[in-house]
Structure formats: structure tokens, C-alpha cells
N, C-alpha and C. Protein backbone atom coordinates (compact mmCIF):
# COMPACT_ATOMS: atom_id res chain seq x y z
N MET A 1 -19.90 -8.16 -6.34
CA MET A 1 -20.44 -8.03 -7.67
C MET A 1 -20.71 -9.27 -8.17
N ALA A 2 -22.12 -9.62 -8.52
CA ALA A 2 -22.38 -10.98 -9.06
C ALA A 2 -23.14 -10.82 -10.41
N ASN A 3 -23.04 -9.77 -11.07
CA ASN A 3 -23.72 -9.74 -12.32
C ASN A 3 -22.57 -9.30 -13.41
N PRO A 4 -23.10 -9.58 -14.71
CA PRO A 4 -22.20 -9.16 -15.92
C PRO A 4 -22.06 -7.53 -15.78
N THR A 5 -20.86 -7.07 -16.37
CA THR A 5 -20.59 -5.88 -16.44
C THR A 5 -20.50 -5.38 -17.92
N ASN A 6 -20.00 -4.15 -18.29
CA ASN A 6 -20.15 -3.89 -19.74
C ASN A 6 -18.86 -4.26 -20.25
N MET A 7 -18.11 -5.11 -19.64
CA MET A 7 -17.08 -5.90 -20.35
C MET A 7 -17.43 -7.46 -20.58
N GLY A 8 -18.63 -7.79 -20.30
CA GLY A 8 -19.20 -9.05 -20.57
C GLY A 8 -19.46 -9.88 -19.25
N SER A 9 -19.50 -11.03 -19.24
CA SER A 9 -19.72 -11.80 -18.17
C SER A 9 -18.79 -11.99 -17.25
N LEU A 10 -19.06 -12.09 -15.91
CA LEU A 10 -17.97 -12.38 -15.10
C LEU A 10 -17.08 -13.63 -15.12
N TYR A 11 -15.68 -13.39 -15.25
CA TYR A 11 -14.93 -14.62 -15.23
C TYR A 11 -14.87 -15.31 -13.93
N ALA A 12 -14.75 -14.67 -12.79
CA ALA A 12 -14.77 -15.19 -11.55
C ALA A 12 -15.30 -14.38 -10.47
N SER A 13 -15.62 -14.82 -9.26
CA SER A 13 -16.01 -14.10 -8.28
C SER A 13 -15.26 -14.43 -7.00
N TYR A 14 -15.05 -13.46 -6.14
CA TYR A 14 -14.06 -13.70 -4.93
C TYR A 14 -14.71 -13.25 -3.84
N SER A 15 -14.78 -14.16 -2.70
CA SER A 15 -15.60 -13.73 -1.37
C SER A 15 -14.67 -12.92 -0.61
N ALA A 16 -15.20 -12.34 0.47
CA ALA A 16 -14.48 -11.60 1.36
C ALA A 16 -13.41 -12.45 2.15
N GLU A 17 -13.94 -13.59 2.33
CA GLU A 17 -12.84 -14.64 3.22
C GLU A 17 -11.76 -14.86 2.27
N LEU A 18 -11.77 -15.08 0.93
CA LEU A 18 -10.70 -15.41 0.08
C LEU A 18 -9.94 -14.27 0.04
N LEU A 19 -10.40 -12.91 -0.27
CA LEU A 19 -9.55 -11.77 -0.25
C LEU A 19 -8.74 -11.48 1.09
N ASN A 20 -9.50 -11.78 2.11
CA ASN A 20 -8.77 -11.69 3.32
C ASN A 20 -7.42 -12.53 3.62
N GLU A 21 -7.60 -13.76 3.01
CA GLU A 21 -6.83 -14.83 2.97
C GLU A 21 -5.62 -14.38 2.21
N VAL A 22 -6.00 -14.06 0.95
CA VAL A 22 -4.88 -13.83 -0.07
C VAL A 22 -4.10 -12.53 0.27
N THR A 23 -4.69 -11.46 0.80
CA THR A 23 -4.01 -10.30 1.08
C THR A 23 -3.54 -10.39 2.55
N ARG A 24 -3.54 -11.36 3.38
CA ARG A 24 -3.31 -11.58 4.80
C ARG A 24 -3.95 -10.31 5.41
N SER A 25 -4.98 -9.88 5.19
CA SER A 25 -5.42 -8.56 5.75
C SER A 25 -5.76 -8.98 7.31
N THR A 26 -5.46 -8.11 8.12
CA THR A 26 -5.91 -8.28 9.56
C THR A 26 -6.66 -7.06 10.04
N LEU A 27 -6.68 -6.12 9.34
CA LEU A 27 -7.37 -4.72 9.48
C LEU A 27 -8.97 -5.09 9.59
N LEU A 28 -9.54 -4.33 10.43
CA LEU A 28 -11.03 -4.43 10.57
C LEU A 28 -11.55 -2.97 10.51
N PRO A 29 -12.41 -2.62 9.40
CA PRO A 29 -12.63 -3.54 8.22
C PRO A 29 -11.47 -3.49 7.34
N PRO A 30 -11.49 -4.55 6.45
CA PRO A 30 -10.26 -4.77 5.54
C PRO A 30 -10.26 -3.61 4.62
N TYR A 31 -8.96 -3.59 3.92
CA TYR A 31 -8.80 -2.41 2.99
C TYR A 31 -8.22 -3.07 1.70
N TYR A 32 -8.93 -2.83 0.58
CA TYR A 32 -8.45 -3.34 -0.72
C TYR A 32 -8.51 -2.45 -1.71
N GLY A 33 -7.65 -2.43 -2.78
CA GLY A 33 -7.62 -1.56 -3.96
C GLY A 33 -7.91 -2.60 -5.11
N PHE A 34 -8.67 -2.10 -6.11
CA PHE A 34 -8.97 -2.89 -7.28
C PHE A 34 -8.73 -2.20 -8.46
N ASP A 35 -8.21 -2.90 -9.42
CA ASP A 35 -7.92 -2.24 -10.88
C ASP A 35 -8.18 -3.60 -11.90
N VAL A 36 -8.40 -3.08 -13.19
CA VAL A 36 -8.39 -4.09 -14.13
C VAL A 36 -7.41 -3.79 -15.15
N GLU A 37 -6.52 -4.83 -15.48
CA GLU A 37 -5.53 -4.52 -16.51
C GLU A 37 -6.20 -4.16 -17.82
N PRO A 38 -5.19 -3.25 -18.64
CA PRO A 38 -5.90 -2.79 -19.94
C PRO A 38 -6.45 -3.89 -20.88
N ASN A 39 -5.92 -5.15 -20.83
CA ASN A 39 -6.60 -6.15 -21.64
C ASN A 39 -7.73 -6.65 -21.07
N GLY A 40 -8.22 -6.29 -19.96
CA GLY A 40 -9.55 -6.75 -19.39
C GLY A 40 -9.41 -8.09 -18.75
N ARG A 41 -8.47 -8.79 -18.85
CA ARG A 41 -8.63 -10.26 -18.49
C ARG A 41 -8.19 -10.57 -17.00
N ASN A 42 -7.41 -9.52 -16.36
CA ASN A 42 -6.82 -9.73 -15.06
C ASN A 42 -7.23 -8.59 -14.10
N LEU A 43 -7.57 -9.19 -12.97
CA LEU A 43 -7.94 -8.08 -11.91
C LEU A 43 -6.66 -8.00 -10.96
N LEU A 44 -6.29 -6.73 -10.73
CA LEU A 44 -5.30 -6.45 -9.97
C LEU A 44 -5.82 -6.01 -8.43
N LEU A 45 -5.41 -6.61 -7.49
CA LEU A 45 -5.84 -6.56 -6.04
C LEU A 45 -4.68 -5.92 -5.18
N GLY A 46 -5.02 -4.68 -4.75
CA GLY A 46 -3.83 -4.13 -3.75
C GLY A 46 -4.32 -4.39 -2.28
N GLY A 47 -3.25 -4.96 -1.53
CA GLY A 47 -3.49 -5.12 -0.21
C GLY A 47 -3.14 -4.06 0.76
N TYR A 48 -3.40 -3.91 2.07
CA TYR A 48 -3.39 -2.73 2.88
C TYR A 48 -1.78 -2.59 3.00
N ASP A 49 -0.90 -3.70 2.81
CA ASP A 49 0.52 -3.52 3.18
C ASP A 49 1.35 -3.07 1.72
N GLY A 50 0.64 -2.78 0.79
CA GLY A 50 1.30 -2.34 -0.37
C GLY A 50 1.54 -3.55 -1.42
N ARG A 51 1.20 -4.74 -1.13
CA ARG A 51 1.31 -5.78 -2.11
C ARG A 51 0.53 -5.77 -3.12
N VAL A 52 0.73 -5.97 -4.48
CA VAL A 52 -0.26 -6.04 -5.55
C VAL A 52 -0.39 -7.47 -5.95
N LEU A 53 -1.49 -7.97 -6.12
CA LEU A 53 -1.78 -9.39 -6.52
C LEU A 53 -2.49 -9.42 -7.83
N GLU A 54 -2.13 -10.24 -8.79
CA GLU A 54 -2.87 -10.45 -9.91
C GLU A 54 -3.89 -11.65 -9.90
N LEU A 55 -5.00 -11.31 -10.01
CA LEU A 55 -5.94 -12.21 -10.01
C LEU A 55 -6.44 -12.75 -11.38
N GLY A 56 -6.17 -13.90 -11.86
CA GLY A 56 -6.76 -14.24 -13.21
C GLY A 56 -5.94 -15.51 -13.53
N SER A 57 -6.14 -15.98 -14.68
CA SER A 57 -5.49 -17.39 -15.08
C SER A 57 -4.19 -17.21 -15.82
N PRO A 58 -3.15 -17.88 -14.95
CA PRO A 58 -1.76 -17.59 -15.53
C PRO A 58 -1.57 -18.42 -16.82
N ASN A 59 -0.79 -17.96 -17.77
CA ASN A 59 -0.54 -18.70 -18.97
C ASN A 59 0.50 -19.89 -18.61
N LEU A 60 0.18 -20.91 -18.99
CA LEU A 60 1.07 -22.18 -18.92
C LEU A 60 1.55 -22.67 -20.15
N THR A 61 2.78 -22.68 -20.31
CA THR A 61 3.60 -23.11 -21.65
C THR A 61 4.19 -24.67 -21.33
N MET A 62 4.01 -25.28 -22.34
CA MET A 62 4.71 -26.67 -22.14
C MET A 62 5.57 -26.82 -23.46
N SER A 63 6.63 -27.28 -23.05
CA SER A 63 7.69 -27.50 -24.30
C SER A 63 8.61 -28.78 -23.81
N CYS A 64 9.30 -29.54 -24.74
CA CYS A 64 10.10 -30.53 -24.49
C CYS A 64 11.66 -30.33 -24.35
N SER A 65 12.18 -30.97 -23.55
CA SER A 65 13.67 -30.97 -23.27
C SER A 65 14.18 -32.19 -23.26
N GLY A 66 14.98 -32.81 -24.35
CA GLY A 66 15.10 -34.26 -24.37
C GLY A 66 13.98 -35.11 -24.12
N THR A 67 13.92 -36.09 -23.14
CA THR A 67 12.76 -36.80 -22.90
C THR A 67 11.91 -36.18 -21.76
N ASP A 68 12.14 -34.86 -21.20
CA ASP A 68 11.35 -34.37 -20.12
C ASP A 68 10.44 -33.34 -20.69
N THR A 69 9.41 -33.17 -20.14
CA THR A 69 8.34 -31.94 -20.29
C THR A 69 8.83 -30.88 -19.38
N MET A 70 8.65 -29.79 -19.99
CA MET A 70 8.96 -28.33 -19.14
C MET A 70 7.72 -27.58 -19.29
N LEU A 71 7.29 -27.23 -17.94
CA LEU A 71 6.27 -26.28 -17.96
C LEU A 71 6.54 -25.12 -17.48
N THR A 72 6.22 -23.96 -17.99
CA THR A 72 6.65 -22.63 -17.59
C THR A 72 5.38 -21.73 -17.43
N TRP A 73 5.47 -20.73 -16.51
CA TRP A 73 4.53 -19.75 -16.15
C TRP A 73 5.21 -18.63 -15.55
N ASP A 74 4.44 -17.53 -15.51
CA ASP A 74 5.02 -16.17 -14.99
C ASP A 74 5.53 -16.40 -13.48
N ALA A 75 6.75 -15.84 -13.10
CA ALA A 75 7.28 -15.97 -11.82
C ALA A 75 6.38 -15.07 -10.74
N SER A 76 5.63 -14.25 -11.09
CA SER A 76 4.73 -13.37 -10.37
C SER A 76 3.55 -14.34 -9.79
N VAL A 77 3.41 -15.54 -10.28
CA VAL A 77 2.29 -16.35 -9.77
C VAL A 77 3.14 -17.58 -9.00
N PRO A 78 3.27 -17.13 -7.67
CA PRO A 78 3.93 -18.16 -6.96
C PRO A 78 3.21 -19.41 -6.26
N ASP A 79 2.04 -18.96 -5.77
CA ASP A 79 1.28 -20.11 -4.93
C ASP A 79 0.32 -20.82 -5.86
N VAL A 80 0.99 -21.64 -6.71
CA VAL A 80 0.24 -22.71 -7.52
C VAL A 80 0.76 -24.21 -7.26
N VAL A 81 0.05 -25.15 -7.51
CA VAL A 81 0.31 -26.47 -7.54
C VAL A 81 0.20 -26.94 -8.84
N VAL A 82 1.25 -27.73 -9.36
CA VAL A 82 1.12 -28.30 -10.64
C VAL A 82 0.04 -29.56 -10.59
N GLN A 83 -0.81 -29.69 -11.61
CA GLN A 83 -1.60 -30.93 -11.45
C GLN A 83 -1.58 -31.61 -12.80
N SER A 84 -1.78 -33.07 -12.81
CA SER A 84 -1.87 -33.60 -14.09
C SER A 84 -3.04 -34.71 -14.06
N CYS A 85 -3.32 -35.24 -15.36
CA CYS A 85 -4.13 -36.25 -15.34
C CYS A 85 -3.95 -36.82 -16.83
N TYR A 86 -4.56 -38.08 -17.22
CA TYR A 86 -4.29 -38.76 -18.20
C TYR A 86 -5.46 -38.84 -19.30
N SER A 87 -6.58 -38.21 -18.77
CA SER A 87 -7.91 -38.15 -19.62
C SER A 87 -8.68 -36.64 -19.33
N LEU A 88 -9.14 -36.10 -20.16
CA LEU A 88 -10.09 -34.93 -19.94
C LEU A 88 -11.45 -35.29 -19.76
N SER A 89 -11.78 -36.53 -20.02
CA SER A 89 -13.13 -37.08 -20.09
C SER A 89 -13.24 -38.18 -19.33
N PRO A 90 -13.83 -38.37 -18.14
CA PRO A 90 -13.87 -37.11 -17.22
C PRO A 90 -12.49 -36.68 -16.61
N SER A 91 -12.44 -35.46 -16.36
CA SER A 91 -11.17 -35.12 -15.95
C SER A 91 -10.99 -35.46 -14.36
N SER A 92 -9.92 -35.84 -13.93
CA SER A 92 -9.70 -36.45 -12.65
C SER A 92 -8.01 -35.99 -12.28
N PHE A 93 -7.92 -34.63 -12.12
CA PHE A 93 -6.47 -34.15 -11.87
C PHE A 93 -6.03 -34.34 -10.55
N TRP A 94 -4.85 -34.70 -10.43
CA TRP A 94 -4.12 -34.75 -9.17
C TRP A 94 -2.86 -33.92 -9.08
N ASP A 95 -2.58 -33.68 -7.76
CA ASP A 95 -1.23 -32.81 -7.43
C ASP A 95 -0.10 -33.62 -7.87
N ILE A 96 0.82 -32.94 -8.43
CA ILE A 96 2.28 -33.52 -8.63
C ILE A 96 3.20 -32.48 -8.27
N TYR A 97 4.31 -32.82 -7.66
CA TYR A 97 5.34 -31.88 -7.03
C TYR A 97 6.67 -31.95 -7.66
N PRO A 98 6.54 -31.42 -8.85
CA PRO A 98 7.98 -31.53 -9.62
C PRO A 98 8.68 -30.35 -9.00
N ALA A 99 10.02 -30.31 -9.04
CA ALA A 99 10.92 -29.12 -8.51
C ALA A 99 10.50 -27.97 -9.35
N VAL A 100 10.46 -26.76 -8.92
CA VAL A 100 10.13 -25.60 -9.70
C VAL A 100 11.26 -24.64 -9.26
N GLN A 101 11.91 -24.17 -10.58
CA GLN A 101 12.86 -23.17 -10.41
C GLN A 101 12.34 -21.92 -11.01
N VAL A 102 13.03 -20.74 -10.34
CA VAL A 102 12.72 -19.42 -10.91
C VAL A 102 13.80 -19.07 -11.82
N ASN A 103 13.46 -18.69 -13.05
CA ASN A 103 14.55 -18.09 -14.03
C ASN A 103 14.19 -16.96 -14.61
N GLY A 104 14.74 -15.76 -13.97
CA GLY A 104 14.26 -14.48 -14.43
C GLY A 104 12.79 -14.22 -14.13
N LYS A 105 11.97 -14.11 -15.12
CA LYS A 105 10.52 -13.65 -15.04
C LYS A 105 9.68 -15.08 -15.00
N LEU A 106 10.27 -16.14 -15.30
CA LEU A 106 9.61 -17.46 -15.43
C LEU A 106 9.88 -18.29 -14.32
N ARG A 107 8.89 -19.31 -13.92
CA ARG A 107 8.88 -20.38 -13.20
C ARG A 107 8.79 -21.56 -13.99
N THR A 108 9.77 -22.67 -13.81
CA THR A 108 9.79 -23.84 -14.68
C THR A 108 9.66 -25.05 -13.78
N ALA A 109 8.93 -25.99 -14.26
CA ALA A 109 8.63 -27.40 -13.62
C ALA A 109 9.31 -28.29 -14.59
N ILE A 110 10.00 -29.18 -14.38
CA ILE A 110 10.64 -30.22 -15.29
C ILE A 110 9.87 -31.46 -14.77
N ILE A 111 9.15 -32.17 -15.69
CA ILE A 111 8.57 -33.39 -15.47
C ILE A 111 9.17 -34.58 -16.21
N SER A 112 9.51 -35.64 -15.86
CA SER A 112 10.04 -36.72 -16.39
C SER A 112 9.10 -37.16 -17.37
N ALA A 113 9.62 -37.75 -18.29
CA ALA A 113 8.91 -38.45 -19.43
C ALA A 113 8.09 -39.65 -18.85
N SER A 114 6.94 -39.80 -19.47
CA SER A 114 6.01 -40.59 -19.40
C SER A 114 5.40 -41.39 -20.77
N PRO A 115 5.40 -42.68 -20.61
CA PRO A 115 4.85 -43.32 -21.82
C PRO A 115 3.34 -42.81 -22.28
N ASP A 116 2.64 -42.35 -21.42
CA ASP A 116 1.19 -42.06 -21.38
C ASP A 116 0.95 -40.73 -21.77
N THR A 117 -0.18 -40.34 -22.46
CA THR A 117 -0.53 -39.06 -22.76
C THR A 117 -0.83 -38.29 -21.45
N ALA A 118 -0.43 -37.01 -21.24
CA ALA A 118 -0.74 -36.38 -19.91
C ALA A 118 -1.11 -34.94 -20.24
N PHE A 119 -1.98 -34.54 -19.42
CA PHE A 119 -2.55 -33.10 -19.28
C PHE A 119 -2.05 -32.45 -18.15
N PHE A 120 -1.79 -31.16 -18.11
CA PHE A 120 -1.32 -30.39 -17.01
C PHE A 120 -2.14 -29.15 -16.92
N ARG A 121 -2.21 -28.67 -15.53
CA ARG A 121 -2.76 -27.44 -15.36
C ARG A 121 -2.12 -26.89 -13.85
N LEU A 122 -2.59 -25.51 -13.58
CA LEU A 122 -2.12 -25.07 -12.36
C LEU A 122 -3.15 -24.93 -11.47
N ARG A 123 -3.14 -25.14 -10.11
CA ARG A 123 -4.12 -24.94 -9.19
C ARG A 123 -3.75 -23.94 -8.22
N ARG A 124 -4.49 -22.94 -7.84
CA ARG A 124 -4.01 -22.18 -6.74
C ARG A 124 -4.06 -22.85 -5.48
N SER A 125 -2.98 -22.75 -4.71
CA SER A 125 -2.71 -23.47 -3.41
C SER A 125 -3.54 -22.73 -2.19
N TRP A 126 -4.02 -21.53 -2.48
CA TRP A 126 -4.66 -20.78 -1.28
C TRP A 126 -6.33 -20.77 -1.49
């Protein structure tokens, strides 16, 4: 699908190659099941092996703990890389590799304090 729907403009598009890689599908032809969450923001993708993946933007929360910065996001979003940059204009994000812990339903990355202003985001690793 490449055109707007009755829910508005498309948020993202996914190629067959990406869907095969994400679902690790080896079936020919591949089998997928799709659904949209009630909020209309996330696409649910079911693979042939019964796994369900949520395709959408994870919510990233930032807080302070002492002099450290804590980033948290939903634990159901495992395959992401934390990125950082010092300026959004122009943005030049780079990968950083903080230790990530799973605490219940959240993943947490603790980043050591820096004297500079920093911006963070999550990038899919696949």
C-alpha cells in the first residue's frame, strides 16, 4: 500500500524484504497477518510462527538519577540501538552502547552524565 487511507497519511511503509527479515519468514510465499491497534498508531504484524510484532515508534522516556541519564522504553521493543547527538540542526546521530536492563515491562539504559546538551533516539537494528 502506498497511498493515504481513511485514517490519514501513511506513517511508514514496509517492503516485502523487510517483512521477511523481521518475521524471519522462510515460507514461499511468505505468510503475514496484519492488524492496527485501536489507537491507530501501531501496526501489528503476525509471522507464520505465531510471533506478533508491533511496528511503530516506541515511546522513549528520559529521566535523571543522580548525575546519570536514564532512558526507558517498552520491553517488547528489543531490537533497537540507542543513538545520541549534540545538535538537532543538522542532526548527526551516532550509535552508543549503554548497558540495557529489562525491569518488568521496561528496558532501561543508563548513560553517564556529560557536560554537553545531548539528544537521544532509538534506531531499529534490523
